[in-house]
Amino acid sequence: MGLFDNVEKGIEKAVRGAFSLGSKTLQPVEMANALRRELDDKAMTLDAGRTLAPNVFSIELGDTDFERARSWGVTLAEELCDVVINHARSQGYVLQGPVRVAFNHHEVLRPGQFEVNSSTEREMSSQAAHQAPPRPSGRPGHGPEVNAAAQQAPTPVYKRRTAPAPSEQGQAVLDIDGQRYSLNAESIVLGRSSEADILIDDTGVSRKHLEIRSVDGVSTAVDLGSTNGSYVDGHRVQGTAELHDGSSITMGRTQITFRILPTRGSGRR
């Protein structure tokens, strides 16, 4: 509970004055608790050891609270996304796509009142996302929305992306804390930000710390101006560093191994 307490205190500190008016003071911690309850209430057991929970949330607010939430939009929404991710990890819930929290206007709600609606959505491919029109909120004044990647516990968290065809050498992957993540896009960003493709829960890691670029079967590590630097095979990355099967990558306290796995039928004519 210590971690969640700290998150809640951080939310309250960030927006302490945002909900101070009205007939009832709406506290961000109330929204955080409501999101946890929504996860627990809507979680569905798929099979042994797998419980599916929603990853998209709409928080409906009345006139006054909606305006205050919108003024703090990104800060508050990011913190609430982190609340969802942390609770999903602690309970072992499976999330099918990135976590999204949106504030929406519901004029009939009085100050201090709010509603939480949720759904389960997979992430669309980048091509489909560009082609698809934005979804209407169903209410006026659609508020800010923040994405955060979320997947099965424990960290790091992986955000699925459209996979290119593997090279002739094989499929590039990262081994992190006993989990394996396929490098299934030309650019994969690692970091502590909820917007990173692979989310690393390490205070020594910057929000957007390192990028792995894969072009024509060659993968390189690119430091994104991180505070503590990135290291490949013990050498600090100055600009870029080429990766080879077995290369060791260090970010903060996190150790990562880059591997090339043979694909089915590789080496055959």
C-alpha atoms as a PDB file:
ATOM      1  CA  MET A   1       0.000   0.000   0.000  1.00  0.00           C
ATOM      2  CA  GLY A   2       2.975   2.324   0.429  1.00  0.00           C
ATOM      3  CA  LEU A   3       3.448   2.747  -3.307  1.00  0.00           C
ATOM      4  CA  PHE A   4      -0.220   3.564  -3.873  1.00  0.00           C
ATOM      5  CA  ASP A   5      -0.217   6.001  -0.951  1.00  0.00           C
ATOM      6  CA  ASN A   6       2.718   7.831  -2.502  1.00  0.00           C
ATOM      7  CA  VAL A   7       0.965   7.985  -5.883  1.00  0.00           C
ATOM      8  CA  GLU A   8      -2.159   9.395  -4.271  1.00  0.00           C
ATOM      9  CA  LYS A   9      -0.168  12.008  -2.368  1.00  0.00           C
ATOM     10  CA  GLY A  10       1.580  12.971  -5.576  1.00  0.00           C
ATOM     11  CA  ILE A  11      -1.732  13.459  -7.349  1.00  0.00           C
ATOM     12  CA  GLU A  12      -3.134  15.554  -4.526  1.00  0.00           C
ATOM     13  CA  LYS A  13      -0.015  17.713  -4.373  1.00  0.00           C
ATOM     14  CA  ALA A  14      -0.044  18.273  -8.142  1.00  0.00           C
ATOM     15  CA  VAL A  15      -3.637  19.482  -8.221  1.00  0.00           C
ATOM     16  CA  ARG A  16      -4.259  20.554  -4.631  1.00  0.00           C
ATOM     17  CA  GLY A  17      -6.135  23.706  -5.551  1.00  0.00           C
ATOM     18  CA  ALA A  18      -7.887  22.407  -8.615  1.00  0.00           C
ATOM     19  CA  PHE A  19     -10.991  21.039  -6.891  1.00  0.00           C
ATOM     20  CA  SER A  20     -11.208  23.385  -3.919  1.00  0.00           C
ATOM     21  CA  LEU A  21     -14.483  25.111  -4.843  1.00  0.00           C
ATOM     22  CA  GLY A  22     -18.107  24.004  -5.174  1.00  0.00           C
ATOM     23  CA  SER A  23     -20.552  22.504  -2.720  1.00  0.00           C
ATOM     24  CA  LYS A  24     -18.301  19.471  -2.285  1.00  0.00           C
ATOM     25  CA  THR A  25     -14.571  19.224  -2.727  1.00  0.00           C
ATOM     26  CA  LEU A  26     -13.753  16.568  -5.294  1.00  0.00           C
ATOM     27  CA  GLN A  27     -10.365  15.044  -4.485  1.00  0.00           C
ATOM     28  CA  PRO A  28      -8.185  13.347  -7.114  1.00  0.00           C
ATOM     29  CA  VAL A  29      -7.745  10.441  -4.702  1.00  0.00           C
ATOM     30  CA  GLU A  30     -11.491   9.777  -5.055  1.00  0.00           C
ATOM     31  CA  MET A  31     -11.042   9.363  -8.796  1.00  0.00           C
ATOM     32  CA  ALA A  32      -8.015   7.111  -8.217  1.00  0.00           C
ATOM     33  CA  ASN A  33     -10.018   4.893  -5.855  1.00  0.00           C
ATOM     34  CA  ALA A  34     -12.917   4.798  -8.300  1.00  0.00           C
ATOM     35  CA  LEU A  35     -10.601   3.630 -11.089  1.00  0.00           C
ATOM     36  CA  ARG A  36      -9.322   0.804  -8.880  1.00  0.00           C
ATOM     37  CA  ARG A  37     -12.876  -0.257  -8.068  1.00  0.00           C
ATOM     38  CA  GLU A  38     -13.786  -0.152 -11.752  1.00  0.00           C
ATOM     39  CA  LEU A  39     -10.845  -2.434 -12.559  1.00  0.00           C
ATOM     40  CA  ASP A  40     -11.869  -4.898  -9.850  1.00  0.00           C
ATOM     41  CA  ASP A  41     -15.586  -4.795 -10.726  1.00  0.00           C
ATOM     42  CA  LYS A  42     -15.088  -5.286 -14.477  1.00  0.00           C
ATOM     43  CA  ALA A  43     -12.228  -7.827 -14.312  1.00  0.00           C
ATOM     44  CA  MET A  44     -13.123 -11.129 -15.996  1.00  0.00           C
ATOM     45  CA  THR A  45     -11.343 -14.447 -15.479  1.00  0.00           C
ATOM     46  CA  LEU A  46     -10.314 -15.893 -18.858  1.00  0.00           C
ATOM     47  CA  ASP A  47      -8.560 -19.022 -17.651  1.00  0.00           C
ATOM     48  CA  ALA A  48      -6.225 -20.129 -14.891  1.00  0.00           C
ATOM     49  CA  GLY A  49      -3.880 -17.262 -14.094  1.00  0.00           C
ATOM     50  CA  ARG A  50      -5.354 -14.787 -16.615  1.00  0.00           C
ATOM     51  CA  THR A  51      -7.829 -12.087 -15.647  1.00  0.00           C
ATOM     52  CA  LEU A  52      -8.799  -9.466 -18.226  1.00  0.00           C
ATOM     53  CA  ALA A  53      -9.473  -5.909 -17.026  1.00  0.00           C
ATOM     54  CA  PRO A  54     -10.512  -2.720 -18.866  1.00  0.00           C
ATOM     55  CA  ASN A  55      -7.858  -0.335 -20.140  1.00  0.00           C
ATOM     56  CA  VAL A  56      -9.895   2.653 -21.407  1.00  0.00           C
ATOM     57  CA  PHE A  57     -11.628   4.941 -18.890  1.00  0.00           C
ATOM     58  CA  SER A  58     -13.945   7.927 -19.198  1.00  0.00           C
ATOM     59  CA  ILE A  59     -14.427  10.104 -16.122  1.00  0.00           C
ATOM     60  CA  GLU A  60     -17.676  12.079 -16.398  1.00  0.00           C
ATOM     61  CA  LEU A  61     -17.655  15.423 -14.576  1.00  0.00           C
ATOM     62  CA  GLY A  62     -20.110  18.271 -14.089  1.00  0.00           C
ATOM     63  CA  ASP A  63     -19.554  21.826 -15.331  1.00  0.00           C
ATOM     64  CA  THR A  64     -17.285  23.137 -12.592  1.00  0.00           C
ATOM     65  CA  ASP A  65     -15.211  20.012 -11.996  1.00  0.00           C
ATOM     66  CA  PHE A  66     -14.782  19.397 -15.727  1.00  0.00           C
ATOM     67  CA  GLU A  67     -13.270  22.845 -16.253  1.00  0.00           C
ATOM     68  CA  ARG A  68     -10.848  22.309 -13.370  1.00  0.00           C
ATOM     69  CA  ALA A  69      -9.892  18.844 -14.580  1.00  0.00           C
ATOM     70  CA  ARG A  70      -9.339  20.153 -18.090  1.00  0.00           C
ATOM     71  CA  SER A  71      -7.036  22.896 -16.810  1.00  0.00           C
ATOM     72  CA  TRP A  72      -4.845  20.215 -15.188  1.00  0.00           C
ATOM     73  CA  GLY A  73      -5.520  17.700 -17.969  1.00  0.00           C
ATOM     74  CA  VAL A  74      -2.205  16.052 -18.854  1.00  0.00           C
ATOM     75  CA  THR A  75      -0.749  16.096 -15.329  1.00  0.00           C
ATOM     76  CA  LEU A  76      -3.819  14.603 -13.696  1.00  0.00           C
ATOM     77  CA  ALA A  77      -4.580  12.143 -16.502  1.00  0.00           C
ATOM     78  CA  GLU A  78      -0.998  10.797 -16.505  1.00  0.00           C
ATOM     79  CA  GLU A  79      -1.115  10.226 -12.757  1.00  0.00           C
ATOM     80  CA  LEU A  80      -4.458   8.429 -13.024  1.00  0.00           C
ATOM     81  CA  CYS A  81      -3.079   6.252 -15.844  1.00  0.00           C
ATOM     82  CA  ASP A  82      -0.232   5.302 -13.517  1.00  0.00           C
ATOM     83  CA  VAL A  83      -2.763   4.397 -10.809  1.00  0.00           C
ATOM     84  CA  VAL A  84      -4.467   1.996 -13.236  1.00  0.00           C
ATOM     85  CA  ILE A  85      -1.169   0.449 -14.358  1.00  0.00           C
ATOM     86  CA  ASN A  86       0.084  -0.051 -10.804  1.00  0.00           C
ATOM     87  CA  HIS A  87      -3.186  -1.595  -9.633  1.00  0.00           C
ATOM     88  CA  ALA A  88      -3.296  -3.914 -12.651  1.00  0.00           C
ATOM     89  CA  ARG A  89       0.246  -5.060 -11.853  1.00  0.00           C
ATOM     90  CA  SER A  90      -0.510  -5.642  -8.187  1.00  0.00           C
ATOM     91  CA  GLN A  91      -3.590  -7.737  -9.002  1.00  0.00           C
ATOM     92  CA  GLY A  92      -2.061  -9.568 -11.971  1.00  0.00           C
ATOM     93  CA  TYR A  93      -4.649  -8.254 -14.427  1.00  0.00           C
ATOM     94  CA  VAL A  94      -4.114  -8.563 -18.186  1.00  0.00           C
ATOM     95  CA  LEU A  95      -4.658  -5.347 -20.166  1.00  0.00           C
ATOM     96  CA  GLN A  96      -5.198  -5.699 -23.913  1.00  0.00           C
ATOM     97  CA  GLY A  97      -3.810  -2.299 -24.901  1.00  0.00           C
ATOM     98  CA  PRO A  98      -2.486   1.047 -23.665  1.00  0.00           C
ATOM     99  CA  VAL A  99      -4.299   2.639 -20.747  1.00  0.00           C
ATOM    100  CA  ARG A 100      -6.254   5.777 -21.627  1.00  0.00           C
ATOM    101  CA  VAL A 101      -8.004   8.129 -19.229  1.00  0.00           C
ATOM    102  CA  ALA A 102     -10.268  10.884 -20.584  1.00  0.00           C
ATOM    103  CA  PHE A 103     -12.286  13.596 -18.821  1.00  0.00           C
ATOM    104  CA  ASN A 104     -15.730  14.213 -20.322  1.00  0.00           C
ATOM    105  CA  HIS A 105     -18.411  16.781 -19.650  1.00  0.00           C
ATOM    106  CA  HIS A 106     -21.722  15.632 -18.158  1.00  0.00           C
ATOM    107  CA  GLU A 107     -23.775  18.732 -17.410  1.00  0.00           C
ATOM    108  CA  VAL A 108     -26.277  17.074 -15.060  1.00  0.00           C
ATOM    109  CA  LEU A 109     -23.640  16.158 -12.473  1.00  0.00           C
ATOM    110  CA  ARG A 110     -23.309  18.470  -9.481  1.00  0.00           C
ATOM    111  CA  PRO A 111     -19.941  19.661  -8.079  1.00  0.00           C
ATOM    112  CA  GLY A 112     -18.212  16.767  -6.367  1.00  0.00           C
ATOM    113  CA  GLN A 113     -20.133  14.127  -8.333  1.00  0.00           C
ATOM    114  CA  PHE A 114     -18.517  12.032 -11.053  1.00  0.00           C
ATOM    115  CA  GLU A 115     -18.987   8.764 -12.913  1.00  0.00           C
ATOM    116  CA  VAL A 116     -16.449   6.296 -14.308  1.00  0.00           C
ATOM    117  CA  ASN A 117     -17.110   4.253 -17.443  1.00  0.00           C
ATOM    118  CA  SER A 118     -14.661   1.724 -18.827  1.00  0.00           C
ATOM    119  CA  SER A 119     -14.071  -0.548 -21.793  1.00  0.00           C
ATOM    120  CA  THR A 120     -11.483  -2.970 -23.149  1.00  0.00           C
ATOM    121  CA  GLU A 121      -9.821  -1.938 -26.382  1.00  0.00           C
ATOM    122  CA  ARG A 122      -6.873  -3.268 -28.321  1.00  0.00           C
ATOM    123  CA  GLU A 123      -4.440  -0.787 -29.834  1.00  0.00           C
ATOM    124  CA  MET A 124      -5.034  -0.145 -33.527  1.00  0.00           C
ATOM    125  CA  SER A 125      -2.167  -0.401 -35.968  1.00  0.00           C
ATOM    126  CA  SER A 126      -0.606   2.938 -36.911  1.00  0.00           C
ATOM    127  CA  GLN A 127      -2.134   2.714 -40.404  1.00  0.00           C
ATOM    128  CA  ALA A 128      -5.619   2.030 -39.065  1.00  0.00           C
ATOM    129  CA  ALA A 129      -5.263   4.805 -36.521  1.00  0.00           C
ATOM    130  CA  HIS A 130      -4.554   7.324 -39.291  1.00  0.00           C
ATOM    131  CA  GLN A 131      -7.467   6.097 -41.393  1.00  0.00           C
ATOM    132  CA  ALA A 132     -10.051   5.857 -38.616  1.00  0.00           C
ATOM    133  CA  PRO A 133     -11.964   9.054 -37.753  1.00  0.00           C
ATOM    134  CA  PRO A 134     -11.853  10.228 -34.112  1.00  0.00           C
ATOM    135  CA  ARG A 135     -14.531   8.656 -31.932  1.00  0.00           C
ATOM    136  CA  PRO A 136     -17.159  11.118 -30.723  1.00  0.00           C
ATOM    137  CA  SER A 137     -17.366  11.406 -26.961  1.00  0.00           C
ATOM    138  CA  GLY A 138     -21.172  11.492 -26.985  1.00  0.00           C
ATOM    139  CA  ARG A 139     -21.051  14.614 -24.830  1.00  0.00           C
ATOM    140  CA  PRO A 140     -19.910  18.201 -25.468  1.00  0.00           C
ATOM    141  CA  GLY A 141     -16.468  19.375 -24.446  1.00  0.00           C
ATOM    142  CA  HIS A 142     -14.372  16.219 -24.815  1.00  0.00           C
ATOM    143  CA  GLY A 143     -11.519  16.539 -22.371  1.00  0.00           C
ATOM    144  CA  PRO A 144      -7.814  15.680 -22.512  1.00  0.00           C
ATOM    145  CA  GLU A 145      -6.763  12.105 -23.060  1.00  0.00           C
ATOM    146  CA  VAL A 146      -3.439  10.567 -22.133  1.00  0.00           C
ATOM    147  CA  ASN A 147      -2.065   7.210 -23.279  1.00  0.00           C
ATOM    148  CA  ALA A 148      -0.078   4.869 -21.100  1.00  0.00           C
ATOM    149  CA  ALA A 149       1.087   1.434 -22.040  1.00  0.00           C
ATOM    150  CA  ALA A 150      -0.118  -1.399 -19.825  1.00  0.00           C
ATOM    151  CA  GLN A 151       0.338  -5.151 -20.016  1.00  0.00           C
ATOM    152  CA  GLN A 152       0.567  -8.085 -17.679  1.00  0.00           C
ATOM    153  CA  ALA A 153       2.586  -7.664 -14.458  1.00  0.00           C
ATOM    154  CA  PRO A 154       5.380  -7.278 -13.575  1.00  0.00           C
ATOM    155  CA  THR A 155       7.292  -4.421 -15.148  1.00  0.00           C
ATOM    156  CA  PRO A 156       8.426  -3.502 -17.708  1.00  0.00           C
ATOM    157  CA  VAL A 157       5.238  -2.870 -19.604  1.00  0.00           C
ATOM    158  CA  TYR A 158       5.006  -3.451 -23.335  1.00  0.00           C
ATOM    159  CA  LYS A 159       2.948  -1.524 -25.849  1.00  0.00           C
ATOM    160  CA  ARG A 160       2.049  -3.624 -28.896  1.00  0.00           C
ATOM    161  CA  ARG A 161       2.842  -2.190 -32.297  1.00  0.00           C
ATOM    162  CA  THR A 162       2.493  -3.380 -35.877  1.00  0.00           C
ATOM    163  CA  ALA A 163       5.162  -5.983 -36.565  1.00  0.00           C
ATOM    164  CA  PRO A 164       7.357  -5.827 -39.678  1.00  0.00           C
ATOM    165  CA  ALA A 165       8.540  -9.026 -41.304  1.00  0.00           C
ATOM    166  CA  PRO A 166      11.558 -10.531 -39.468  1.00  0.00           C
ATOM    167  CA  SER A 167      14.913 -10.236 -41.195  1.00  0.00           C
ATOM    168  CA  GLU A 168      16.752 -13.181 -42.714  1.00  0.00           C
ATOM    169  CA  GLN A 169      18.984 -13.227 -39.626  1.00  0.00           C
ATOM    170  CA  GLY A 170      16.015 -13.819 -37.323  1.00  0.00           C
ATOM    171  CA  GLN A 171      13.721 -11.987 -34.930  1.00  0.00           C
ATOM    172  CA  ALA A 172      15.318  -9.327 -32.700  1.00  0.00           C
ATOM    173  CA  VAL A 173      14.118  -9.405 -29.080  1.00  0.00           C
ATOM    174  CA  LEU A 174      14.959  -7.870 -25.723  1.00  0.00           C
ATOM    175  CA  ASP A 175      15.206  -9.978 -22.561  1.00  0.00           C
ATOM    176  CA  ILE A 176      14.274  -7.822 -19.554  1.00  0.00           C
ATOM    177  CA  ASP A 177      13.771  -9.104 -16.013  1.00  0.00           C
ATOM    178  CA  GLY A 178      12.896 -12.590 -17.203  1.00  0.00           C
ATOM    179  CA  GLN A 179      10.480 -11.396 -19.880  1.00  0.00           C
ATOM    180  CA  ARG A 180      11.007 -11.311 -23.632  1.00  0.00           C
ATOM    181  CA  TYR A 181       9.843  -8.476 -25.886  1.00  0.00           C
ATOM    182  CA  SER A 182       9.887  -8.645 -29.664  1.00  0.00           C
ATOM    183  CA  LEU A 183      11.288  -5.614 -31.483  1.00  0.00           C
ATOM    184  CA  ASN A 184       8.319  -5.519 -33.801  1.00  0.00           C
ATOM    185  CA  ALA A 185       8.689  -1.992 -35.178  1.00  0.00           C
ATOM    186  CA  GLU A 186      11.472   0.042 -36.752  1.00  0.00           C
ATOM    187  CA  SER A 187      11.542   2.270 -33.679  1.00  0.00           C
ATOM    188  CA  ILE A 188      10.965   1.118 -30.097  1.00  0.00           C
ATOM    189  CA  VAL A 189      11.375   3.613 -27.249  1.00  0.00           C
ATOM    190  CA  LEU A 190      12.260   2.488 -23.725  1.00  0.00           C
ATOM    191  CA  GLY A 191      11.770   4.708 -20.715  1.00  0.00           C
ATOM    192  CA  ARG A 192       9.841   5.601 -17.588  1.00  0.00           C
ATOM    193  CA  SER A 193       7.175   7.623 -19.417  1.00  0.00           C
ATOM    194  CA  SER A 194       3.729   6.143 -19.863  1.00  0.00           C
ATOM    195  CA  GLU A 195       4.126   6.966 -23.570  1.00  0.00           C
ATOM    196  CA  ALA A 196       7.191   4.719 -24.017  1.00  0.00           C
ATOM    197  CA  ASP A 197       6.744   1.513 -26.025  1.00  0.00           C
ATOM    198  CA  ILE A 198       8.463  -0.483 -23.286  1.00  0.00           C
ATOM    199  CA  LEU A 199       7.864   1.056 -19.887  1.00  0.00           C
ATOM    200  CA  ILE A 200      10.774   0.575 -17.448  1.00  0.00           C
ATOM    201  CA  ASP A 201       9.882   0.997 -13.767  1.00  0.00           C
ATOM    202  CA  ASP A 202      13.296   2.255 -12.638  1.00  0.00           C
ATOM    203  CA  THR A 203      13.931   5.655 -11.037  1.00  0.00           C
ATOM    204  CA  GLY A 204      17.372   5.718 -12.691  1.00  0.00           C
ATOM    205  CA  VAL A 205      15.747   5.664 -16.127  1.00  0.00           C
ATOM    206  CA  SER A 206      14.620   8.840 -17.900  1.00  0.00           C
ATOM    207  CA  ARG A 207      11.079   9.254 -19.194  1.00  0.00           C
ATOM    208  CA  LYS A 208      12.256   8.609 -22.761  1.00  0.00           C
ATOM    209  CA  HIS A 209      15.643   7.058 -22.233  1.00  0.00           C
ATOM    210  CA  LEU A 210      16.683   4.857 -25.171  1.00  0.00           C
ATOM    211  CA  GLU A 211      15.480   4.047 -28.684  1.00  0.00           C
ATOM    212  CA  ILE A 212      16.118   0.788 -30.511  1.00  0.00           C
ATOM    213  CA  ARG A 213      16.118   1.285 -34.268  1.00  0.00           C
ATOM    214  CA  SER A 214      15.877  -1.717 -36.583  1.00  0.00           C
ATOM    215  CA  VAL A 215      16.492  -1.092 -40.289  1.00  0.00           C
ATOM    216  CA  ASP A 216      17.364  -3.725 -42.916  1.00  0.00           C
ATOM    217  CA  GLY A 217      18.146  -6.315 -40.275  1.00  0.00           C
ATOM    218  CA  VAL A 218      20.532  -4.041 -38.331  1.00  0.00           C
ATOM    219  CA  SER A 219      19.566  -2.841 -34.848  1.00  0.00           C
ATOM    220  CA  THR A 220      21.155   0.137 -33.117  1.00  0.00           C
ATOM    221  CA  ALA A 221      20.739   1.683 -29.669  1.00  0.00           C
ATOM    222  CA  VAL A 222      20.213   5.458 -29.606  1.00  0.00           C
ATOM    223  CA  ASP A 223      20.446   7.356 -26.322  1.00  0.00           C
ATOM    224  CA  LEU A 224      17.697  10.004 -26.186  1.00  0.00           C
ATOM    225  CA  GLY A 225      19.585  12.465 -24.012  1.00  0.00           C
ATOM    226  CA  SER A 226      19.019  10.484 -20.830  1.00  0.00           C
ATOM    227  CA  THR A 227      20.201  11.851 -17.497  1.00  0.00           C
ATOM    228  CA  ASN A 228      22.221   8.795 -16.443  1.00  0.00           C
ATOM    229  CA  GLY A 229      23.263   7.586 -19.874  1.00  0.00           C
ATOM    230  CA  SER A 230      22.891   4.258 -21.669  1.00  0.00           C
ATOM    231  CA  TYR A 231      25.552   1.538 -21.901  1.00  0.00           C
ATOM    232  CA  VAL A 232      26.059  -1.214 -24.473  1.00  0.00           C
ATOM    233  CA  ASP A 233      28.509  -3.956 -23.461  1.00  0.00           C
ATOM    234  CA  GLY A 234      29.894  -1.664 -20.752  1.00  0.00           C
ATOM    235  CA  HIS A 235      30.538   1.307 -23.038  1.00  0.00           C
ATOM    236  CA  ARG A 236      28.488   4.485 -22.781  1.00  0.00           C
ATOM    237  CA  VAL A 237      26.426   5.141 -25.892  1.00  0.00           C
ATOM    238  CA  GLN A 238      27.688   8.269 -27.611  1.00  0.00           C
ATOM    239  CA  GLY A 239      25.061   8.891 -30.242  1.00  0.00           C
ATOM    240  CA  THR A 240      24.379   5.354 -31.472  1.00  0.00           C
ATOM    241  CA  ALA A 241      25.767   1.884 -30.847  1.00  0.00           C
ATOM    242  CA  GLU A 242      25.205  -1.156 -33.051  1.00  0.00           C
ATOM    243  CA  LEU A 243      23.687  -4.188 -31.349  1.00  0.00           C
ATOM    244  CA  HIS A 244      24.680  -7.804 -31.899  1.00  0.00           C
ATOM    245  CA  ASP A 245      23.247 -11.072 -30.619  1.00  0.00           C
ATOM    246  CA  GLY A 246      24.046 -11.192 -26.894  1.00  0.00           C
ATOM    247  CA  SER A 247      24.715  -7.451 -26.502  1.00  0.00           C
ATOM    248  CA  SER A 248      24.150  -6.190 -22.960  1.00  0.00           C
ATOM    249  CA  ILE A 249      22.288  -2.905 -22.480  1.00  0.00           C
ATOM    250  CA  THR A 250      22.282  -1.059 -19.144  1.00  0.00           C
ATOM    251  CA  MET A 251      19.801   1.684 -18.214  1.00  0.00           C
ATOM    252  CA  GLY A 252      19.827   2.829 -14.601  1.00  0.00           C
ATOM    253  CA  ARG A 253      19.661  -0.407 -12.580  1.00  0.00           C
ATOM    254  CA  THR A 254      17.986  -2.305 -15.401  1.00  0.00           C
ATOM    255  CA  GLN A 255      19.948  -4.932 -17.336  1.00  0.00           C
ATOM    256  CA  ILE A 256      18.735  -5.834 -20.829  1.00  0.00           C
ATOM    257  CA  THR A 257      20.005  -8.473 -23.251  1.00  0.00           C
ATOM    258  CA  PHE A 258      19.585  -8.057 -26.996  1.00  0.00           C
ATOM    259  CA  ARG A 259      19.106 -11.334 -28.857  1.00  0.00           C
ATOM    260  CA  ILE A 260      18.444 -12.560 -32.380  1.00  0.00           C
ATOM    261  CA  LEU A 261      16.149 -15.583 -32.371  1.00  0.00           C
ATOM    262  CA  PRO A 262      16.049 -17.862 -35.429  1.00  0.00           C
ATOM    263  CA  THR A 263      12.752 -17.739 -37.256  1.00  0.00           C
ATOM    264  CA  ARG A 264      10.909 -20.800 -38.429  1.00  0.00           C
ATOM    265  CA  GLY A 265      12.547 -22.166 -41.552  1.00  0.00           C
ATOM    266  CA  SER A 266      15.576 -19.858 -41.284  1.00  0.00           C
ATOM    267  CA  GLY A 267      18.693 -21.136 -42.969  1.00  0.00           C
ATOM    268  CA  ARG A 268      16.666 -23.087 -45.529  1.00  0.00           C
ATOM    269  CA  ARG A 269      16.397 -22.382 -49.219  1.00  0.00           C
END
